[in-house]
Amino acid sequence: MGSRDDKNLTAHWAAHDLGEVVVAADDVRERIVELGRAITLDYAGRPPLLVCVLKGAINFMSDLMRAIELPVEVDFMAVSSYGAATKTSGVVRIVKDLDVDLADRDVLIVEDVVDSGLTLNYLRQYLGARGPRSLEVCALLLKEGEQRVEQDLKYVGFAIGPAFVVGYGLDVNERYRNLDGIYTYVGEV
């Protein structure tokens, strides 16, 4: 993982709101290459439809799809369970639905962070009802010990503690998404 110096190199403008480096930018890039290789092997001969859960997973999705050596298709879905808070409300709203048919498709949900698991559980049921051949998840982060719903995640980038984190697509009030690494958030909400 990264050092405190990573913050000083890439996020001068946000340093006052950032705590420790949870995952350094180099570690993120390296792990995404590994995930891309695993997905390439697992889906050989049947390229998946990657479903990006907006907005937090956009950076991850962008890098992940380039690390997969298959002719993948992509679509986007926006859900909300946080609002402006740092804890999930448990109520999931579909803000933007998919544009493609999932029937008989191999679908891979690309998620930024799984904490309570409630949103992901809802998404799996919602998308599963559309008849995909397979439905798996690739999550960049899994907050250990936070799940209220048991999760079977095929691909996980990093297991982290319960702290609220920002960077690499993750935000607070739409800020900090453009940081290369992932940091604990210590600022005001």
Protein backbone atom coordinates (compact mmCIF):
# COMPACT_ATOMS: atom_id res chain seq x y z
CA MET A 1 0.00 0.00 0.00
CA GLY A 2 1.04 3.61 -0.24
CA SER A 3 2.71 6.04 2.08
CA ARG A 4 1.57 9.38 3.42
CA ASP A 5 3.90 11.01 0.85
CA ASP A 6 1.60 9.81 -1.98
CA LYS A 7 -0.96 12.38 -0.83
CA ASN A 8 1.55 15.19 -1.02
CA LEU A 9 2.53 14.29 -4.58
CA THR A 10 -0.93 14.10 -6.14
CA ALA A 11 -3.51 15.96 -4.09
CA HIS A 12 -2.21 19.30 -2.82
CA TRP A 13 -5.61 20.95 -3.27
CA ALA A 14 -7.38 18.27 -1.19
CA ALA A 15 -4.73 17.45 1.42
CA HIS A 16 -6.65 19.11 4.29
CA ASP A 17 -9.57 16.64 3.80
CA LEU A 18 -7.50 13.50 3.29
CA GLY A 19 -6.24 11.10 5.92
CA GLU A 20 -4.05 8.09 5.29
CA VAL A 21 -3.44 6.55 1.89
CA VAL A 22 -5.57 3.39 1.81
CA VAL A 23 -4.46 2.24 -1.65
CA ALA A 24 -1.69 4.02 -3.55
CA ALA A 25 -2.17 4.84 -7.23
CA ASP A 26 0.51 2.36 -8.33
CA ASP A 27 -1.16 -0.42 -6.36
CA VAL A 28 -4.52 0.39 -7.97
CA ARG A 29 -3.01 0.20 -11.46
CA GLU A 30 -1.19 -3.06 -10.72
CA ARG A 31 -4.26 -4.75 -9.26
CA ILE A 32 -6.45 -3.72 -12.20
CA VAL A 33 -4.01 -5.40 -14.60
CA GLU A 34 -4.31 -8.58 -12.50
CA LEU A 35 -8.12 -8.39 -12.50
CA GLY A 36 -8.12 -7.82 -16.26
CA ARG A 37 -6.03 -10.96 -16.79
CA ALA A 38 -8.34 -13.05 -14.60
CA ILE A 39 -11.46 -11.76 -16.37
CA THR A 40 -9.87 -12.37 -19.77
CA LEU A 41 -9.19 -16.00 -18.85
CA ASP A 42 -12.58 -16.60 -17.22
CA TYR A 43 -14.59 -15.11 -20.09
CA ALA A 44 -12.52 -16.42 -23.02
CA GLY A 45 -14.86 -17.17 -25.91
CA ARG A 46 -17.78 -15.30 -24.33
CA PRO A 47 -16.93 -11.61 -23.87
CA PRO A 48 -18.91 -10.06 -21.03
CA LEU A 49 -21.12 -7.03 -20.93
CA LEU A 50 -19.56 -4.74 -18.33
CA VAL A 51 -22.15 -2.79 -16.35
CA CYS A 52 -20.58 0.24 -14.70
CA VAL A 53 -22.33 1.48 -11.58
CA LEU A 54 -22.09 5.25 -11.88
CA LYS A 55 -20.60 7.50 -10.81
CA GLY A 56 -18.09 5.98 -8.41
CA ALA A 57 -16.96 3.12 -10.63
CA ILE A 58 -16.24 5.21 -13.75
CA ASN A 59 -12.46 5.43 -13.20
CA PHE A 60 -12.26 1.74 -12.32
CA MET A 61 -14.39 0.73 -15.31
CA SER A 62 -12.32 2.82 -17.70
CA ASP A 63 -9.06 1.22 -16.60
CA LEU A 64 -10.51 -2.28 -16.15
CA MET A 65 -11.99 -2.53 -19.65
CA ARG A 66 -8.59 -1.63 -21.14
CA ALA A 67 -6.98 -4.41 -19.07
CA ILE A 68 -9.41 -7.03 -20.43
CA GLU A 69 -8.14 -8.57 -23.65
CA LEU A 70 -11.58 -9.36 -25.09
CA PRO A 71 -14.03 -7.35 -27.23
CA VAL A 72 -16.17 -6.29 -24.24
CA GLU A 73 -19.34 -4.24 -24.42
CA VAL A 74 -20.23 -1.64 -21.80
CA ASP A 75 -23.35 -0.06 -20.40
CA PHE A 76 -24.00 2.25 -17.48
CA MET A 77 -26.37 2.27 -14.57
CA ALA A 78 -26.76 4.91 -11.88
CA VAL A 79 -28.11 4.06 -8.46
CA SER A 80 -28.29 6.07 -5.29
CA SER A 81 -28.25 4.91 -1.69
CA TYR A 82 -25.98 7.51 -0.10
CA GLY A 83 -27.22 10.94 -1.14
CA ALA A 84 -24.74 13.40 0.40
CA ALA A 85 -24.03 11.17 3.41
CA THR A 86 -21.03 8.97 4.16
CA LYS A 87 -23.21 6.01 5.25
CA THR A 88 -25.73 4.21 3.06
CA SER A 89 -29.39 4.95 3.71
CA GLY A 90 -30.34 1.40 2.73
CA VAL A 91 -32.88 2.74 0.25
CA VAL A 92 -31.82 2.14 -3.36
CA ARG A 93 -33.05 4.35 -6.20
CA ILE A 94 -32.42 3.61 -9.89
CA VAL A 95 -31.35 6.95 -11.35
CA LYS A 96 -30.32 5.65 -14.80
CA ASP A 97 -31.17 2.20 -16.10
CA LEU A 98 -29.37 0.12 -18.72
CA ASP A 99 -29.91 0.60 -22.44
CA VAL A 100 -29.20 -3.00 -23.52
CA ASP A 101 -31.08 -6.28 -23.18
CA LEU A 102 -29.45 -8.69 -20.71
CA ALA A 103 -31.19 -11.86 -21.89
CA ASP A 104 -28.69 -14.70 -22.36
CA ARG A 105 -25.71 -12.35 -21.81
CA ASP A 106 -22.70 -12.80 -19.54
CA VAL A 107 -22.93 -9.72 -17.34
CA LEU A 108 -20.21 -8.38 -15.06
CA ILE A 109 -21.26 -5.63 -12.66
CA VAL A 110 -18.35 -3.21 -12.09
CA GLU A 111 -18.74 -1.61 -8.67
CA ASP A 112 -16.54 0.85 -6.80
CA VAL A 113 -17.05 -0.22 -3.20
CA VAL A 114 -19.15 -2.82 -1.41
CA ASP A 115 -19.88 -1.93 2.19
CA SER A 116 -23.28 -2.97 3.57
CA GLY A 117 -23.99 -4.98 0.41
CA LEU A 118 -27.59 -3.76 0.30
CA THR A 119 -27.21 -1.84 -2.96
CA LEU A 120 -25.36 -4.67 -4.64
CA ASN A 121 -27.91 -7.22 -3.43
CA TYR A 122 -30.68 -5.08 -4.91
CA LEU A 123 -28.79 -4.71 -8.21
CA ARG A 124 -28.19 -8.45 -8.49
CA GLN A 125 -31.90 -9.17 -8.02
CA TYR A 126 -32.93 -6.36 -10.36
CA LEU A 127 -30.55 -7.38 -13.16
CA GLY A 128 -30.95 -11.10 -12.53
CA ALA A 129 -34.66 -10.80 -13.29
CA ARG A 130 -33.72 -9.81 -16.86
CA GLY A 131 -32.46 -13.28 -17.71
CA PRO A 132 -28.68 -12.99 -18.10
CA ARG A 133 -26.77 -16.23 -18.73
CA SER A 134 -24.43 -15.27 -15.90
CA LEU A 135 -24.21 -12.37 -13.47
CA GLU A 136 -20.99 -11.70 -11.56
CA VAL A 137 -19.42 -8.75 -9.74
CA CYS A 138 -16.04 -7.06 -9.95
CA ALA A 139 -15.64 -4.65 -7.01
CA LEU A 140 -12.63 -2.40 -6.58
CA LEU A 141 -13.07 -2.28 -2.80
CA LEU A 142 -14.70 -4.52 -0.22
CA LYS A 143 -15.15 -3.04 3.25
CA GLU A 144 -14.48 -5.97 5.54
CA GLY A 145 -16.95 -6.56 8.33
CA GLU A 146 -19.50 -4.06 7.02
CA GLN A 147 -21.77 -6.41 5.03
CA ARG A 148 -25.35 -6.78 6.18
CA VAL A 149 -25.99 -9.10 3.25
CA GLU A 150 -23.72 -12.06 2.43
CA GLN A 151 -21.86 -11.40 -0.83
CA ASP A 152 -20.30 -13.83 -3.28
CA LEU A 153 -17.91 -11.59 -5.19
CA LYS A 154 -15.99 -13.19 -8.03
CA TYR A 155 -13.44 -10.37 -8.35
CA VAL A 156 -12.26 -8.00 -5.62
CA GLY A 157 -9.51 -5.44 -5.97
CA PHE A 158 -8.79 -4.71 -2.31
CA ALA A 159 -10.29 -5.54 1.07
CA ILE A 160 -10.20 -2.45 3.29
CA GLY A 161 -11.37 -1.39 6.73
CA PRO A 162 -14.62 0.45 7.48
CA ALA A 163 -13.34 4.02 7.02
CA PHE A 164 -15.06 6.24 4.47
CA VAL A 165 -12.74 6.65 1.49
CA VAL A 166 -12.41 8.97 -1.48
CA GLY A 167 -10.37 9.08 -4.66
CA TYR A 168 -10.19 7.10 -7.86
CA GLY A 169 -13.87 7.74 -8.60
CA LEU A 170 -15.11 7.77 -5.00
CA ASP A 171 -16.43 11.09 -3.78
CA VAL A 172 -17.99 13.29 -1.15
CA ASN A 173 -20.44 15.77 -2.66
CA GLU A 174 -18.93 15.11 -6.14
CA ARG A 175 -15.38 16.02 -5.04
CA TYR A 176 -12.15 13.96 -4.96
CA ARG A 177 -13.10 11.57 -7.81
CA ASN A 178 -10.05 12.69 -9.78
CA LEU A 179 -7.46 11.60 -7.21
CA ASP A 180 -5.23 8.76 -8.45
CA GLY A 181 -5.07 6.95 -5.12
CA ILE A 182 -7.65 6.07 -2.47
CA TYR A 183 -7.60 7.92 0.85
CA THR A 184 -9.52 8.05 4.09
CA TYR A 185 -11.75 11.11 4.20
CA VAL A 186 -11.37 13.26 7.31
CA GLY A 187 -13.09 16.46 6.13
CA GLU A 188 -16.55 17.79 6.83
CA VAL A 189 -19.58 16.33 5.07
